[in-house]
């Protein structure tokens, strides 16, 4: 079970960082001038796991299944990093993943990778 949690946590981080990179590229393409000093190192709003706005604002295209997978992975990022083990016996559940879950994650990450390799917004 720990490998399944690690796979989902790290896949979630990968998806999140792909989306943040796509958002930064989109943002830079739309910039009128150089970034303000306070905004040049870490743009406001980037330090979050709520990636929905990054999908929308970067123009990233995801299928409904990819969006569902992304939402699930972000929940994994939010909770698995905070609580690597159940906090009580009541919250303990057996958790595993199957080959369909792995395929869905791979499809999402492949899609995000492909979009990161394009020329970007015009």
C-alpha atoms as a PDB file:
ATOM      1  CA  UNK A   1       0.000   0.000   0.000  1.00  0.00           C
ATOM      2  CA  UNK A   2       2.764   2.575   0.684  1.00  0.00           C
ATOM      3  CA  UNK A   3       3.956   2.335  -2.934  1.00  0.00           C
ATOM      4  CA  UNK A   4       0.471   3.195  -4.182  1.00  0.00           C
ATOM      5  CA  UNK A   5       0.365   6.283  -1.974  1.00  0.00           C
ATOM      6  CA  UNK A   6       3.858   7.336  -3.071  1.00  0.00           C
ATOM      7  CA  UNK A   7       2.967   6.809  -6.761  1.00  0.00           C
ATOM      8  CA  UNK A   8      -0.134   8.987  -6.439  1.00  0.00           C
ATOM      9  CA  UNK A   9       1.599  11.668  -4.362  1.00  0.00           C
ATOM     10  CA  UNK A  10       4.525  12.005  -6.765  1.00  0.00           C
ATOM     11  CA  UNK A  11       2.233  11.844  -9.830  1.00  0.00           C
ATOM     12  CA  UNK A  12       0.177  14.633  -8.285  1.00  0.00           C
ATOM     13  CA  UNK A  13       3.294  16.749  -7.775  1.00  0.00           C
ATOM     14  CA  UNK A  14       4.285  16.127 -11.410  1.00  0.00           C
ATOM     15  CA  UNK A  15       0.852  17.153 -12.729  1.00  0.00           C
ATOM     16  CA  UNK A  16       0.779  20.216 -10.480  1.00  0.00           C
ATOM     17  CA  UNK A  17       4.209  21.363 -11.639  1.00  0.00           C
ATOM     18  CA  UNK A  18       3.396  20.780 -15.329  1.00  0.00           C
ATOM     19  CA  UNK A  19       0.319  22.985 -14.902  1.00  0.00           C
ATOM     20  CA  UNK A  20       2.220  25.681 -13.035  1.00  0.00           C
ATOM     21  CA  UNK A  21       4.841  25.684 -15.792  1.00  0.00           C
ATOM     22  CA  UNK A  22       2.157  25.997 -18.465  1.00  0.00           C
ATOM     23  CA  UNK A  23       0.572  28.843 -16.478  1.00  0.00           C
ATOM     24  CA  UNK A  24       3.912  30.647 -16.145  1.00  0.00           C
ATOM     25  CA  UNK A  25       4.578  30.284 -19.879  1.00  0.00           C
ATOM     26  CA  UNK A  26       1.097  31.636 -20.675  1.00  0.00           C
ATOM     27  CA  UNK A  27       1.584  34.494 -18.215  1.00  0.00           C
ATOM     28  CA  UNK A  28       4.979  35.418 -19.692  1.00  0.00           C
ATOM     29  CA  UNK A  29       3.535  35.400 -23.229  1.00  0.00           C
ATOM     30  CA  UNK A  30       0.852  37.873 -22.144  1.00  0.00           C
ATOM     31  CA  UNK A  31       3.217  40.182 -20.204  1.00  0.00           C
ATOM     32  CA  UNK A  32       3.390  43.765 -21.367  1.00  0.00           C
ATOM     33  CA  UNK A  33       6.759  44.474 -19.758  1.00  0.00           C
ATOM     34  CA  UNK A  34       9.208  43.006 -17.296  1.00  0.00           C
ATOM     35  CA  UNK A  35       7.726  41.603 -14.077  1.00  0.00           C
ATOM     36  CA  UNK A  36       7.472  43.885 -11.052  1.00  0.00           C
ATOM     37  CA  UNK A  37      10.258  43.368  -8.507  1.00  0.00           C
ATOM     38  CA  UNK A  38       7.884  41.819  -6.006  1.00  0.00           C
ATOM     39  CA  UNK A  39       6.534  39.464  -8.657  1.00  0.00           C
ATOM     40  CA  UNK A  40       9.745  38.385 -10.374  1.00  0.00           C
ATOM     41  CA  UNK A  41      10.770  35.444  -8.169  1.00  0.00           C
ATOM     42  CA  UNK A  42       7.490  33.749  -7.246  1.00  0.00           C
ATOM     43  CA  UNK A  43       4.355  35.168  -8.833  1.00  0.00           C
ATOM     44  CA  UNK A  44       1.423  35.774  -6.556  1.00  0.00           C
ATOM     45  CA  UNK A  45      -0.892  32.791  -6.281  1.00  0.00           C
ATOM     46  CA  UNK A  46       1.632  30.183  -7.402  1.00  0.00           C
ATOM     47  CA  UNK A  47       2.148  28.665  -3.933  1.00  0.00           C
ATOM     48  CA  UNK A  48      -1.060  26.626  -3.894  1.00  0.00           C
ATOM     49  CA  UNK A  49      -2.274  23.124  -4.668  1.00  0.00           C
ATOM     50  CA  UNK A  50      -5.554  24.493  -6.092  1.00  0.00           C
ATOM     51  CA  UNK A  51      -4.638  23.976  -9.724  1.00  0.00           C
ATOM     52  CA  UNK A  52      -8.044  24.553 -11.323  1.00  0.00           C
ATOM     53  CA  UNK A  53      -7.225  28.166 -12.141  1.00  0.00           C
ATOM     54  CA  UNK A  54      -3.909  27.140 -13.718  1.00  0.00           C
ATOM     55  CA  UNK A  55      -5.791  24.842 -16.109  1.00  0.00           C
ATOM     56  CA  UNK A  56      -8.241  27.595 -17.026  1.00  0.00           C
ATOM     57  CA  UNK A  57      -5.821  30.529 -17.225  1.00  0.00           C
ATOM     58  CA  UNK A  58      -3.143  28.651 -19.188  1.00  0.00           C
ATOM     59  CA  UNK A  59      -5.607  27.337 -21.762  1.00  0.00           C
ATOM     60  CA  UNK A  60      -4.647  23.749 -20.964  1.00  0.00           C
ATOM     61  CA  UNK A  61      -7.008  21.293 -22.632  1.00  0.00           C
ATOM     62  CA  UNK A  62      -7.944  18.201 -20.612  1.00  0.00           C
ATOM     63  CA  UNK A  63     -10.579  15.550 -21.210  1.00  0.00           C
ATOM     64  CA  UNK A  64     -13.219  14.984 -18.514  1.00  0.00           C
ATOM     65  CA  UNK A  65     -11.372  11.823 -17.425  1.00  0.00           C
ATOM     66  CA  UNK A  66      -8.083  13.741 -17.205  1.00  0.00           C
ATOM     67  CA  UNK A  67      -9.760  16.467 -15.124  1.00  0.00           C
ATOM     68  CA  UNK A  68     -11.224  13.841 -12.784  1.00  0.00           C
ATOM     69  CA  UNK A  69      -7.800  12.199 -12.449  1.00  0.00           C
ATOM     70  CA  UNK A  70      -6.191  15.587 -11.785  1.00  0.00           C
ATOM     71  CA  UNK A  71      -8.696  16.396  -9.023  1.00  0.00           C
ATOM     72  CA  UNK A  72      -7.994  13.039  -7.394  1.00  0.00           C
ATOM     73  CA  UNK A  73      -4.214  13.513  -7.625  1.00  0.00           C
ATOM     74  CA  UNK A  74      -4.423  16.974  -6.054  1.00  0.00           C
ATOM     75  CA  UNK A  75      -6.358  15.478  -3.135  1.00  0.00           C
ATOM     76  CA  UNK A  76      -3.501  12.983  -2.783  1.00  0.00           C
ATOM     77  CA  UNK A  77      -0.947  15.821  -2.790  1.00  0.00           C
ATOM     78  CA  UNK A  78      -2.906  17.729  -0.182  1.00  0.00           C
ATOM     79  CA  UNK A  79      -3.555  14.867   2.221  1.00  0.00           C
ATOM     80  CA  UNK A  80      -0.884  12.187   1.675  1.00  0.00           C
ATOM     81  CA  UNK A  81       1.933  14.668   2.250  1.00  0.00           C
ATOM     82  CA  UNK A  82       0.281  15.917   5.426  1.00  0.00           C
ATOM     83  CA  UNK A  83      -0.792  12.568   6.838  1.00  0.00           C
ATOM     84  CA  UNK A  84       1.388   9.733   5.510  1.00  0.00           C
ATOM     85  CA  UNK A  85      -0.302   7.343   7.937  1.00  0.00           C
ATOM     86  CA  UNK A  86      -3.883   7.292   9.232  1.00  0.00           C
ATOM     87  CA  UNK A  87      -4.308   9.409  12.363  1.00  0.00           C
ATOM     88  CA  UNK A  88      -6.636   6.900  14.025  1.00  0.00           C
ATOM     89  CA  UNK A  89      -7.865   3.350  13.662  1.00  0.00           C
ATOM     90  CA  UNK A  90     -11.238   4.687  12.503  1.00  0.00           C
ATOM     91  CA  UNK A  91      -9.665   6.417   9.514  1.00  0.00           C
ATOM     92  CA  UNK A  92      -7.615   3.391   8.446  1.00  0.00           C
ATOM     93  CA  UNK A  93      -8.758   1.938   5.147  1.00  0.00           C
ATOM     94  CA  UNK A  94      -7.043  -0.468   2.827  1.00  0.00           C
ATOM     95  CA  UNK A  95      -6.011   1.437  -0.227  1.00  0.00           C
ATOM     96  CA  UNK A  96      -4.635   0.200  -3.468  1.00  0.00           C
ATOM     97  CA  UNK A  97      -4.549   1.114  -7.102  1.00  0.00           C
ATOM     98  CA  UNK A  98      -5.177  -0.973 -10.153  1.00  0.00           C
ATOM     99  CA  UNK A  99      -3.857  -0.927 -13.701  1.00  0.00           C
ATOM    100  CA  UNK A 100      -6.688   1.376 -14.829  1.00  0.00           C
ATOM    101  CA  UNK A 101      -5.646   3.956 -12.218  1.00  0.00           C
ATOM    102  CA  UNK A 102      -2.046   3.778 -13.420  1.00  0.00           C
ATOM    103  CA  UNK A 103      -3.178   4.106 -17.053  1.00  0.00           C
ATOM    104  CA  UNK A 104      -5.294   7.192 -16.217  1.00  0.00           C
ATOM    105  CA  UNK A 105      -2.403   8.861 -14.411  1.00  0.00           C
ATOM    106  CA  UNK A 106      -0.046   8.082 -17.296  1.00  0.00           C
ATOM    107  CA  UNK A 107      -2.559   9.484 -19.804  1.00  0.00           C
ATOM    108  CA  UNK A 108      -2.884  12.727 -17.816  1.00  0.00           C
ATOM    109  CA  UNK A 109       0.868  13.189 -17.424  1.00  0.00           C
ATOM    110  CA  UNK A 110       1.469  12.371 -21.105  1.00  0.00           C
ATOM    111  CA  UNK A 111      -1.125  14.972 -22.112  1.00  0.00           C
ATOM    112  CA  UNK A 112       0.424  17.631 -19.867  1.00  0.00           C
ATOM    113  CA  UNK A 113       3.913  16.790 -21.127  1.00  0.00           C
ATOM    114  CA  UNK A 114       2.773  17.071 -24.748  1.00  0.00           C
ATOM    115  CA  UNK A 115       1.178  20.455 -24.079  1.00  0.00           C
ATOM    116  CA  UNK A 116       4.352  21.657 -22.367  1.00  0.00           C
ATOM    117  CA  UNK A 117       6.354  20.788 -25.514  1.00  0.00           C
ATOM    118  CA  UNK A 118       4.271  22.964 -27.845  1.00  0.00           C
ATOM    119  CA  UNK A 119       5.312  26.480 -28.794  1.00  0.00           C
ATOM    120  CA  UNK A 120       2.868  28.024 -26.312  1.00  0.00           C
ATOM    121  CA  UNK A 121       0.226  30.684 -26.703  1.00  0.00           C
ATOM    122  CA  UNK A 122       0.556  33.049 -29.631  1.00  0.00           C
END
